[in-house]
Amino acid sequence: MNLKVLQMVKSQIAAAAEDLKAYKPSNANWPSRAMTNAERLIPWLFAEAHNLNDYVQDVLNAPAQLRRMWDEMREHVDLPKERIEAYKRQLSLDDILRESVTGDLVSKVITKFLIEKFPKGALQSNGRSDYPDLYLRDIDYSFLHVFQRIRNGDEYGAALKGADHRPVRVPDGLEIKTCRNRIAVDCHHPHAGLHLVLLFSETNRLFSVDDIRIAFLRQSNYHESERNTTATTVKYSFNGDQFVSLL
């Protein structure tokens, strides 16, 4: 693999060491855990980046490819006219869904690939509203306390959540973000940890993956967005300054 990628991320983790040491629970040695997991994840992500690139493009473009294949096959299909018209109608309905391809959908495609491909099934998906998106289930998180709703004055920290005791808000997992054309992410919480960003674009109704990038972000890499009213949910954003390509 390109050692430059791993060394850059390790330097980001080293720079965040003081922040990680203070993160709750502070006796977890988060700098060491983040470093160990980065050394485990990044070489594998680097090796699989081109396969991930192709997989995401194939999934997103499958409906368009089916239409192209149908156009080629149609003259060789000996079916009643009404059956052919019914098939064409289904293709047209499927095309409506393609107009609603969102970053959340692309994230689910990425998550499926990573979970299925990672050795021994060790990558596990977290809850939909929790972060990080993925964590390594074969490492010990039993020292974390059970999740409780945050009350005024309480500090945010790592915890175990759900009947299966998923580790949430841990800085040693993997967060997945997807962006059209450029890295510009808004989210509900600033989260220290390893971030994988996939950039994609669409031209003439065909999708392409433009890049896959990685970085270890500190909470200070997030910026609180301005709110128009006091009722607006607080959002945090980051850009691509810290990221390096895996392709």
C-alpha atoms as a PDB file:
ATOM      1  CA  MET A   1       0.000   0.000   0.000  1.00  0.00           C
ATOM      2  CA  ASN A   2       0.970   3.655  -0.196  1.00  0.00           C
ATOM      3  CA  LEU A   3       2.652   4.220   3.167  1.00  0.00           C
ATOM      4  CA  LYS A   4       2.245   7.962   2.684  1.00  0.00           C
ATOM      5  CA  VAL A   5      -1.511   7.645   3.271  1.00  0.00           C
ATOM      6  CA  LEU A   6      -1.093   5.720   6.501  1.00  0.00           C
ATOM      7  CA  GLN A   7       1.663   8.005   7.778  1.00  0.00           C
ATOM      8  CA  MET A   8      -0.435  11.110   7.103  1.00  0.00           C
ATOM      9  CA  VAL A   9      -3.392   9.722   9.051  1.00  0.00           C
ATOM     10  CA  LYS A  10      -1.155   8.558  11.891  1.00  0.00           C
ATOM     11  CA  SER A  11       0.277  12.076  12.115  1.00  0.00           C
ATOM     12  CA  GLN A  12      -3.284  13.434  12.363  1.00  0.00           C
ATOM     13  CA  ILE A  13      -4.003  11.030  15.222  1.00  0.00           C
ATOM     14  CA  ALA A  14      -0.766  12.021  16.955  1.00  0.00           C
ATOM     15  CA  ALA A  15      -1.722  15.688  16.612  1.00  0.00           C
ATOM     16  CA  ALA A  16      -5.090  14.910  18.209  1.00  0.00           C
ATOM     17  CA  ALA A  17      -3.551  12.949  21.112  1.00  0.00           C
ATOM     18  CA  GLU A  18      -4.284  15.521  23.824  1.00  0.00           C
ATOM     19  CA  ASP A  19      -7.895  15.838  22.712  1.00  0.00           C
ATOM     20  CA  LEU A  20      -8.279  12.074  22.661  1.00  0.00           C
ATOM     21  CA  LYS A  21      -6.742  11.671  26.107  1.00  0.00           C
ATOM     22  CA  ALA A  22      -9.376  14.036  27.495  1.00  0.00           C
ATOM     23  CA  TYR A  23     -12.266  12.289  25.759  1.00  0.00           C
ATOM     24  CA  LYS A  24     -14.606  10.404  28.132  1.00  0.00           C
ATOM     25  CA  PRO A  25     -13.885   7.925  29.531  1.00  0.00           C
ATOM     26  CA  SER A  26     -10.382   9.313  29.775  1.00  0.00           C
ATOM     27  CA  ASN A  27      -8.893   6.020  31.008  1.00  0.00           C
ATOM     28  CA  ALA A  28      -9.539   4.302  27.647  1.00  0.00           C
ATOM     29  CA  ASN A  29      -6.228   5.286  26.004  1.00  0.00           C
ATOM     30  CA  TRP A  30      -8.073   6.529  22.917  1.00  0.00           C
ATOM     31  CA  PRO A  31      -4.870   7.684  21.128  1.00  0.00           C
ATOM     32  CA  SER A  32      -3.492   4.143  21.181  1.00  0.00           C
ATOM     33  CA  ARG A  33      -6.819   2.582  20.179  1.00  0.00           C
ATOM     34  CA  ALA A  34      -7.286   5.049  17.312  1.00  0.00           C
ATOM     35  CA  MET A  35      -3.739   4.429  16.083  1.00  0.00           C
ATOM     36  CA  THR A  36      -4.086   0.638  16.249  1.00  0.00           C
ATOM     37  CA  ASN A  37      -7.369   0.625  14.374  1.00  0.00           C
ATOM     38  CA  ALA A  38      -6.049   3.027  11.716  1.00  0.00           C
ATOM     39  CA  GLU A  39      -3.100   0.691  11.135  1.00  0.00           C
ATOM     40  CA  ARG A  40      -5.586  -2.119  10.682  1.00  0.00           C
ATOM     41  CA  LEU A  41      -8.208  -0.342   8.566  1.00  0.00           C
ATOM     42  CA  ILE A  42      -6.244   1.926   6.240  1.00  0.00           C
ATOM     43  CA  PRO A  43      -4.078  -0.705   4.476  1.00  0.00           C
ATOM     44  CA  TRP A  44      -7.248  -2.724   3.820  1.00  0.00           C
ATOM     45  CA  LEU A  45      -9.212   0.324   2.632  1.00  0.00           C
ATOM     46  CA  PHE A  46      -6.343   1.279   0.346  1.00  0.00           C
ATOM     47  CA  ALA A  47      -6.275  -2.237  -1.137  1.00  0.00           C
ATOM     48  CA  GLU A  48     -10.055  -2.266  -1.663  1.00  0.00           C
ATOM     49  CA  ALA A  49     -10.532   1.342  -2.819  1.00  0.00           C
ATOM     50  CA  HIS A  50     -10.665   0.558  -6.548  1.00  0.00           C
ATOM     51  CA  ASN A  51     -13.045  -2.352  -5.941  1.00  0.00           C
ATOM     52  CA  LEU A  52     -15.252  -0.068  -3.840  1.00  0.00           C
ATOM     53  CA  ASN A  53     -15.111   2.540  -6.612  1.00  0.00           C
ATOM     54  CA  ASP A  54     -16.309  -0.001  -9.200  1.00  0.00           C
ATOM     55  CA  TYR A  55     -18.951  -1.499  -6.902  1.00  0.00           C
ATOM     56  CA  VAL A  56     -20.596   1.845  -6.101  1.00  0.00           C
ATOM     57  CA  GLN A  57     -20.649   2.844  -9.771  1.00  0.00           C
ATOM     58  CA  ASP A  58     -22.067  -0.538 -10.824  1.00  0.00           C
ATOM     59  CA  VAL A  59     -24.867  -0.377  -8.233  1.00  0.00           C
ATOM     60  CA  LEU A  60     -25.852   3.210  -9.002  1.00  0.00           C
ATOM     61  CA  ASN A  61     -25.759   2.646 -12.758  1.00  0.00           C
ATOM     62  CA  ALA A  62     -27.461  -0.766 -12.777  1.00  0.00           C
ATOM     63  CA  PRO A  63     -30.894   0.625 -13.835  1.00  0.00           C
ATOM     64  CA  ALA A  64     -29.338   2.527 -16.748  1.00  0.00           C
ATOM     65  CA  GLN A  65     -27.374  -0.546 -17.800  1.00  0.00           C
ATOM     66  CA  LEU A  66     -30.535  -2.663 -17.695  1.00  0.00           C
ATOM     67  CA  ARG A  67     -32.214  -0.220 -20.072  1.00  0.00           C
ATOM     68  CA  ARG A  68     -29.238  -0.363 -22.425  1.00  0.00           C
ATOM     69  CA  MET A  69     -29.273  -4.165 -22.333  1.00  0.00           C
ATOM     70  CA  TRP A  70     -33.026  -4.203 -22.930  1.00  0.00           C
ATOM     71  CA  ASP A  71     -32.650  -2.015 -26.005  1.00  0.00           C
ATOM     72  CA  GLU A  72     -30.137  -4.527 -27.359  1.00  0.00           C
ATOM     73  CA  MET A  73     -32.273  -7.570 -26.494  1.00  0.00           C
ATOM     74  CA  ARG A  74     -35.717  -6.286 -27.378  1.00  0.00           C
ATOM     75  CA  GLU A  75     -35.706  -7.263 -31.043  1.00  0.00           C
ATOM     76  CA  HIS A  76     -34.803 -10.818 -30.046  1.00  0.00           C
ATOM     77  CA  VAL A  77     -37.565 -11.159 -27.443  1.00  0.00           C
ATOM     78  CA  ASP A  78     -40.628 -13.063 -28.621  1.00  0.00           C
ATOM     79  CA  LEU A  79     -43.269 -12.016 -26.118  1.00  0.00           C
ATOM     80  CA  PRO A  80     -46.801 -10.620 -26.452  1.00  0.00           C
ATOM     81  CA  LYS A  81     -46.889  -6.863 -26.929  1.00  0.00           C
ATOM     82  CA  GLU A  82     -48.655  -6.285 -23.603  1.00  0.00           C
ATOM     83  CA  ARG A  83     -45.871  -8.114 -21.746  1.00  0.00           C
ATOM     84  CA  ILE A  84     -43.243  -5.962 -23.393  1.00  0.00           C
ATOM     85  CA  GLU A  85     -45.197  -2.789 -22.618  1.00  0.00           C
ATOM     86  CA  ALA A  86     -45.547  -3.862 -18.967  1.00  0.00           C
ATOM     87  CA  TYR A  87     -41.794  -4.403 -18.736  1.00  0.00           C
ATOM     88  CA  LYS A  88     -41.106  -0.973 -20.271  1.00  0.00           C
ATOM     89  CA  ARG A  89     -43.469   0.597 -17.748  1.00  0.00           C
ATOM     90  CA  GLN A  90     -41.561  -0.983 -14.857  1.00  0.00           C
ATOM     91  CA  LEU A  91     -38.325   0.431 -16.251  1.00  0.00           C
ATOM     92  CA  SER A  92     -39.870   3.888 -16.445  1.00  0.00           C
ATOM     93  CA  LEU A  93     -41.063   3.657 -12.823  1.00  0.00           C
ATOM     94  CA  ASP A  94     -37.601   2.559 -11.713  1.00  0.00           C
ATOM     95  CA  ASP A  95     -36.205   5.641 -13.441  1.00  0.00           C
ATOM     96  CA  ILE A  96     -38.130   7.816 -10.971  1.00  0.00           C
ATOM     97  CA  LEU A  97     -36.117   6.332  -8.107  1.00  0.00           C
ATOM     98  CA  ARG A  98     -32.880   7.255  -9.867  1.00  0.00           C
ATOM     99  CA  GLU A  99     -33.894  10.897  -9.585  1.00  0.00           C
ATOM    100  CA  SER A 100     -33.789  10.520  -5.786  1.00  0.00           C
ATOM    101  CA  VAL A 101     -30.283   9.132  -5.302  1.00  0.00           C
ATOM    102  CA  THR A 102     -29.071  10.740  -2.073  1.00  0.00           C
ATOM    103  CA  GLY A 103     -25.879  10.652  -0.067  1.00  0.00           C
ATOM    104  CA  ASP A 104     -27.649   8.446   2.471  1.00  0.00           C
ATOM    105  CA  LEU A 105     -28.368   5.841  -0.202  1.00  0.00           C
ATOM    106  CA  VAL A 106     -24.765   5.901  -1.430  1.00  0.00           C
ATOM    107  CA  SER A 107     -23.573   5.512   2.187  1.00  0.00           C
ATOM    108  CA  LYS A 108     -25.676   2.356   2.518  1.00  0.00           C
ATOM    109  CA  VAL A 109     -24.073   0.943  -0.639  1.00  0.00           C
ATOM    110  CA  ILE A 110     -20.598   1.679   0.767  1.00  0.00           C
ATOM    111  CA  THR A 111     -21.501   0.176   4.142  1.00  0.00           C
ATOM    112  CA  LYS A 112     -22.760  -3.027   2.523  1.00  0.00           C
ATOM    113  CA  PHE A 113     -19.515  -3.433   0.570  1.00  0.00           C
ATOM    114  CA  LEU A 114     -17.228  -2.788   3.538  1.00  0.00           C
ATOM    115  CA  ILE A 115     -19.088  -5.090   5.924  1.00  0.00           C
ATOM    116  CA  GLU A 116     -19.252  -7.944   3.417  1.00  0.00           C
ATOM    117  CA  LYS A 117     -15.609  -7.641   2.357  1.00  0.00           C
ATOM    118  CA  PHE A 118     -13.812  -6.994   5.643  1.00  0.00           C
ATOM    119  CA  PRO A 119     -11.948 -10.063   6.944  1.00  0.00           C
ATOM    120  CA  LYS A 120     -13.863 -12.355   9.325  1.00  0.00           C
ATOM    121  CA  GLY A 121     -16.880 -10.058   9.343  1.00  0.00           C
ATOM    122  CA  ALA A 122     -15.255  -7.865  11.979  1.00  0.00           C
ATOM    123  CA  LEU A 123     -16.776  -4.590  10.743  1.00  0.00           C
ATOM    124  CA  GLN A 124     -20.196  -3.938  12.259  1.00  0.00           C
ATOM    125  CA  SER A 125     -22.764  -1.278  11.444  1.00  0.00           C
ATOM    126  CA  ASN A 126     -23.919   1.062  14.191  1.00  0.00           C
ATOM    127  CA  GLY A 127     -27.417   2.443  14.731  1.00  0.00           C
ATOM    128  CA  ARG A 128     -28.817   4.791  12.115  1.00  0.00           C
ATOM    129  CA  SER A 129     -28.703   7.825  14.395  1.00  0.00           C
ATOM    130  CA  ASP A 130     -25.410   6.885  16.062  1.00  0.00           C
ATOM    131  CA  TYR A 131     -21.777   7.351  15.165  1.00  0.00           C
ATOM    132  CA  PRO A 132     -19.370   6.140  14.074  1.00  0.00           C
ATOM    133  CA  ASP A 133     -21.108   4.337  11.219  1.00  0.00           C
ATOM    134  CA  LEU A 134     -18.844   1.289  11.565  1.00  0.00           C
ATOM    135  CA  TYR A 135     -16.845  -0.199  14.396  1.00  0.00           C
ATOM    136  CA  LEU A 136     -14.626  -3.245  14.868  1.00  0.00           C
ATOM    137  CA  ARG A 137     -16.636  -5.741  16.880  1.00  0.00           C
ATOM    138  CA  ASP A 138     -13.681  -7.985  17.713  1.00  0.00           C
ATOM    139  CA  ILE A 139     -12.034  -5.457  20.053  1.00  0.00           C
ATOM    140  CA  ASP A 140     -12.991  -4.843  23.671  1.00  0.00           C
ATOM    141  CA  TYR A 141     -15.474  -2.104  24.548  1.00  0.00           C
ATOM    142  CA  SER A 142     -16.745  -3.697  27.766  1.00  0.00           C
ATOM    143  CA  PHE A 143     -15.187  -0.908  29.860  1.00  0.00           C
ATOM    144  CA  LEU A 144     -17.704   1.634  28.528  1.00  0.00           C
ATOM    145  CA  HIS A 145     -20.745   2.596  30.582  1.00  0.00           C
ATOM    146  CA  VAL A 146     -24.279   2.037  29.322  1.00  0.00           C
ATOM    147  CA  PHE A 147     -25.691   4.876  27.213  1.00  0.00           C
ATOM    148  CA  GLN A 148     -27.930   7.427  28.918  1.00  0.00           C
ATOM    149  CA  ARG A 149     -29.690  10.423  27.476  1.00  0.00           C
ATOM    150  CA  ILE A 150     -27.647  13.588  27.880  1.00  0.00           C
ATOM    151  CA  ARG A 151     -28.941  16.076  30.393  1.00  0.00           C
ATOM    152  CA  ASN A 152     -27.903  19.702  30.739  1.00  0.00           C
ATOM    153  CA  GLY A 153     -24.336  19.920  31.941  1.00  0.00           C
ATOM    154  CA  ASP A 154     -23.425  16.324  31.089  1.00  0.00           C
ATOM    155  CA  GLU A 155     -20.416  15.704  28.885  1.00  0.00           C
ATOM    156  CA  TYR A 156     -20.578  13.810  25.647  1.00  0.00           C
ATOM    157  CA  GLY A 157     -18.590  10.595  25.710  1.00  0.00           C
ATOM    158  CA  ALA A 158     -18.401   7.002  24.502  1.00  0.00           C
ATOM    159  CA  ALA A 159     -20.969   4.466  25.697  1.00  0.00           C
ATOM    160  CA  LEU A 160     -22.592   1.096  25.019  1.00  0.00           C
ATOM    161  CA  LYS A 161     -26.036   1.248  23.468  1.00  0.00           C
ATOM    162  CA  GLY A 162     -28.832  -1.195  22.701  1.00  0.00           C
ATOM    163  CA  ALA A 163     -29.384  -4.813  23.657  1.00  0.00           C
ATOM    164  CA  ASP A 164     -26.269  -5.801  21.688  1.00  0.00           C
ATOM    165  CA  HIS A 165     -24.132  -3.171  23.467  1.00  0.00           C
ATOM    166  CA  ARG A 166     -22.960  -1.323  20.379  1.00  0.00           C
ATOM    167  CA  PRO A 167     -20.135   1.172  21.082  1.00  0.00           C
ATOM    168  CA  VAL A 168     -21.382   4.653  20.179  1.00  0.00           C
ATOM    169  CA  ARG A 169     -19.519   7.973  20.062  1.00  0.00           C
ATOM    170  CA  VAL A 170     -16.174   6.153  20.050  1.00  0.00           C
ATOM    171  CA  PRO A 171     -13.212   7.837  18.281  1.00  0.00           C
ATOM    172  CA  ASP A 172     -11.705   4.546  17.071  1.00  0.00           C
ATOM    173  CA  GLY A 173     -14.349   3.535  14.496  1.00  0.00           C
ATOM    174  CA  LEU A 174     -15.038   4.598  10.904  1.00  0.00           C
ATOM    175  CA  GLU A 175     -17.422   7.324   9.822  1.00  0.00           C
ATOM    176  CA  ILE A 176     -18.718   7.254   6.221  1.00  0.00           C
ATOM    177  CA  LYS A 177     -19.632  10.425   4.344  1.00  0.00           C
ATOM    178  CA  THR A 178     -20.684  10.929   0.736  1.00  0.00           C
ATOM    179  CA  CYS A 179     -20.616  14.165  -1.242  1.00  0.00           C
ATOM    180  CA  ARG A 180     -21.581  15.283  -4.710  1.00  0.00           C
ATOM    181  CA  ASN A 181     -18.714  16.998  -6.531  1.00  0.00           C
ATOM    182  CA  ARG A 182     -16.846  18.367  -3.503  1.00  0.00           C
ATOM    183  CA  ILE A 183     -16.348  17.665   0.191  1.00  0.00           C
ATOM    184  CA  ALA A 184     -18.838  19.762   2.120  1.00  0.00           C
ATOM    185  CA  VAL A 185     -20.483  17.890   4.988  1.00  0.00           C
ATOM    186  CA  ASP A 186     -23.126  18.981   7.470  1.00  0.00           C
ATOM    187  CA  CYS A 187     -23.983  16.771  10.446  1.00  0.00           C
ATOM    188  CA  HIS A 188     -25.558  16.967  13.897  1.00  0.00           C
ATOM    189  CA  HIS A 189     -22.455  16.357  16.021  1.00  0.00           C
ATOM    190  CA  PRO A 190     -18.716  17.007  15.688  1.00  0.00           C
ATOM    191  CA  HIS A 191     -17.041  13.635  15.873  1.00  0.00           C
ATOM    192  CA  ALA A 192     -13.366  12.850  16.366  1.00  0.00           C
ATOM    193  CA  GLY A 193     -12.320   9.794  14.407  1.00  0.00           C
ATOM    194  CA  LEU A 194     -11.450   8.222  11.094  1.00  0.00           C
ATOM    195  CA  HIS A 195     -13.595   9.555   8.235  1.00  0.00           C
ATOM    196  CA  LEU A 196     -14.007   7.937   4.815  1.00  0.00           C
ATOM    197  CA  VAL A 197     -15.454  10.260   2.160  1.00  0.00           C
ATOM    198  CA  LEU A 198     -16.645   9.147  -1.265  1.00  0.00           C
ATOM    199  CA  LEU A 199     -17.072  11.857  -3.886  1.00  0.00           C
ATOM    200  CA  PHE A 200     -19.492  11.147  -6.716  1.00  0.00           C
ATOM    201  CA  SER A 201     -21.047  13.019  -9.606  1.00  0.00           C
ATOM    202  CA  GLU A 202     -23.751  12.500 -12.224  1.00  0.00           C
ATOM    203  CA  THR A 203     -23.574  13.284 -15.938  1.00  0.00           C
ATOM    204  CA  ASN A 204     -26.298  12.423 -18.438  1.00  0.00           C
ATOM    205  CA  ARG A 205     -27.984  10.237 -15.807  1.00  0.00           C
ATOM    206  CA  LEU A 206     -24.873   8.141 -15.238  1.00  0.00           C
ATOM    207  CA  PHE A 207     -23.010   8.190 -11.919  1.00  0.00           C
ATOM    208  CA  SER A 208     -19.266   8.145 -11.437  1.00  0.00           C
ATOM    209  CA  VAL A 209     -17.084   7.958  -8.348  1.00  0.00           C
ATOM    210  CA  ASP A 210     -14.600  10.809  -8.535  1.00  0.00           C
ATOM    211  CA  ASP A 211     -12.489  10.011  -5.483  1.00  0.00           C
ATOM    212  CA  ILE A 212     -12.354   8.160  -2.178  1.00  0.00           C
ATOM    213  CA  ARG A 213     -10.522   9.996   0.599  1.00  0.00           C
ATOM    214  CA  ILE A 214      -9.545   9.364   4.196  1.00  0.00           C
ATOM    215  CA  ALA A 215      -8.629  11.495   7.216  1.00  0.00           C
ATOM    216  CA  PHE A 216      -8.672  11.444  10.989  1.00  0.00           C
ATOM    217  CA  LEU A 217     -10.644  14.490  12.071  1.00  0.00           C
ATOM    218  CA  ARG A 218     -10.576  16.227  15.424  1.00  0.00           C
ATOM    219  CA  GLN A 219     -13.632  17.948  16.816  1.00  0.00           C
ATOM    220  CA  SER A 220     -11.896  21.254  16.052  1.00  0.00           C
ATOM    221  CA  ASN A 221     -11.965  20.350  12.344  1.00  0.00           C
ATOM    222  CA  TYR A 222     -15.734  20.792  12.512  1.00  0.00           C
ATOM    223  CA  HIS A 223     -17.276  24.251  12.403  1.00  0.00           C
ATOM    224  CA  GLU A 224     -20.626  25.102  13.935  1.00  0.00           C
ATOM    225  CA  SER A 225     -22.982  26.374  11.264  1.00  0.00           C
ATOM    226  CA  GLU A 226     -24.894  29.579  11.747  1.00  0.00           C
ATOM    227  CA  ARG A 227     -28.531  29.186  12.680  1.00  0.00           C
ATOM    228  CA  ASN A 228     -31.263  31.371  11.247  1.00  0.00           C
ATOM    229  CA  THR A 229     -33.496  31.007  14.326  1.00  0.00           C
ATOM    230  CA  THR A 230     -33.113  29.669  17.825  1.00  0.00           C
ATOM    231  CA  ALA A 231     -35.361  26.753  16.859  1.00  0.00           C
ATOM    232  CA  THR A 232     -33.056  25.520  14.096  1.00  0.00           C
ATOM    233  CA  THR A 233     -31.121  22.347  14.880  1.00  0.00           C
ATOM    234  CA  VAL A 234     -27.415  22.932  15.430  1.00  0.00           C
ATOM    235  CA  LYS A 235     -25.314  21.629  12.536  1.00  0.00           C
ATOM    236  CA  TYR A 236     -21.568  21.117  12.230  1.00  0.00           C
ATOM    237  CA  SER A 237     -19.614  21.039   8.992  1.00  0.00           C
ATOM    238  CA  PHE A 238     -16.174  20.204   7.639  1.00  0.00           C
ATOM    239  CA  ASN A 239     -14.400  20.464   4.304  1.00  0.00           C
ATOM    240  CA  GLY A 240     -11.760  18.430   2.492  1.00  0.00           C
ATOM    241  CA  ASP A 241      -8.603  20.148   3.733  1.00  0.00           C
ATOM    242  CA  GLN A 242      -7.480  17.219   5.885  1.00  0.00           C
ATOM    243  CA  PHE A 243      -8.173  14.408   3.433  1.00  0.00           C
ATOM    244  CA  VAL A 244      -5.912  12.289   1.224  1.00  0.00           C
ATOM    245  CA  SER A 245      -6.974  10.083  -1.684  1.00  0.00           C
ATOM    246  CA  LEU A 246      -7.037   6.285  -1.516  1.00  0.00           C
ATOM    247  CA  LEU A 247      -7.215   5.956  -5.307  1.00  0.00           C
END
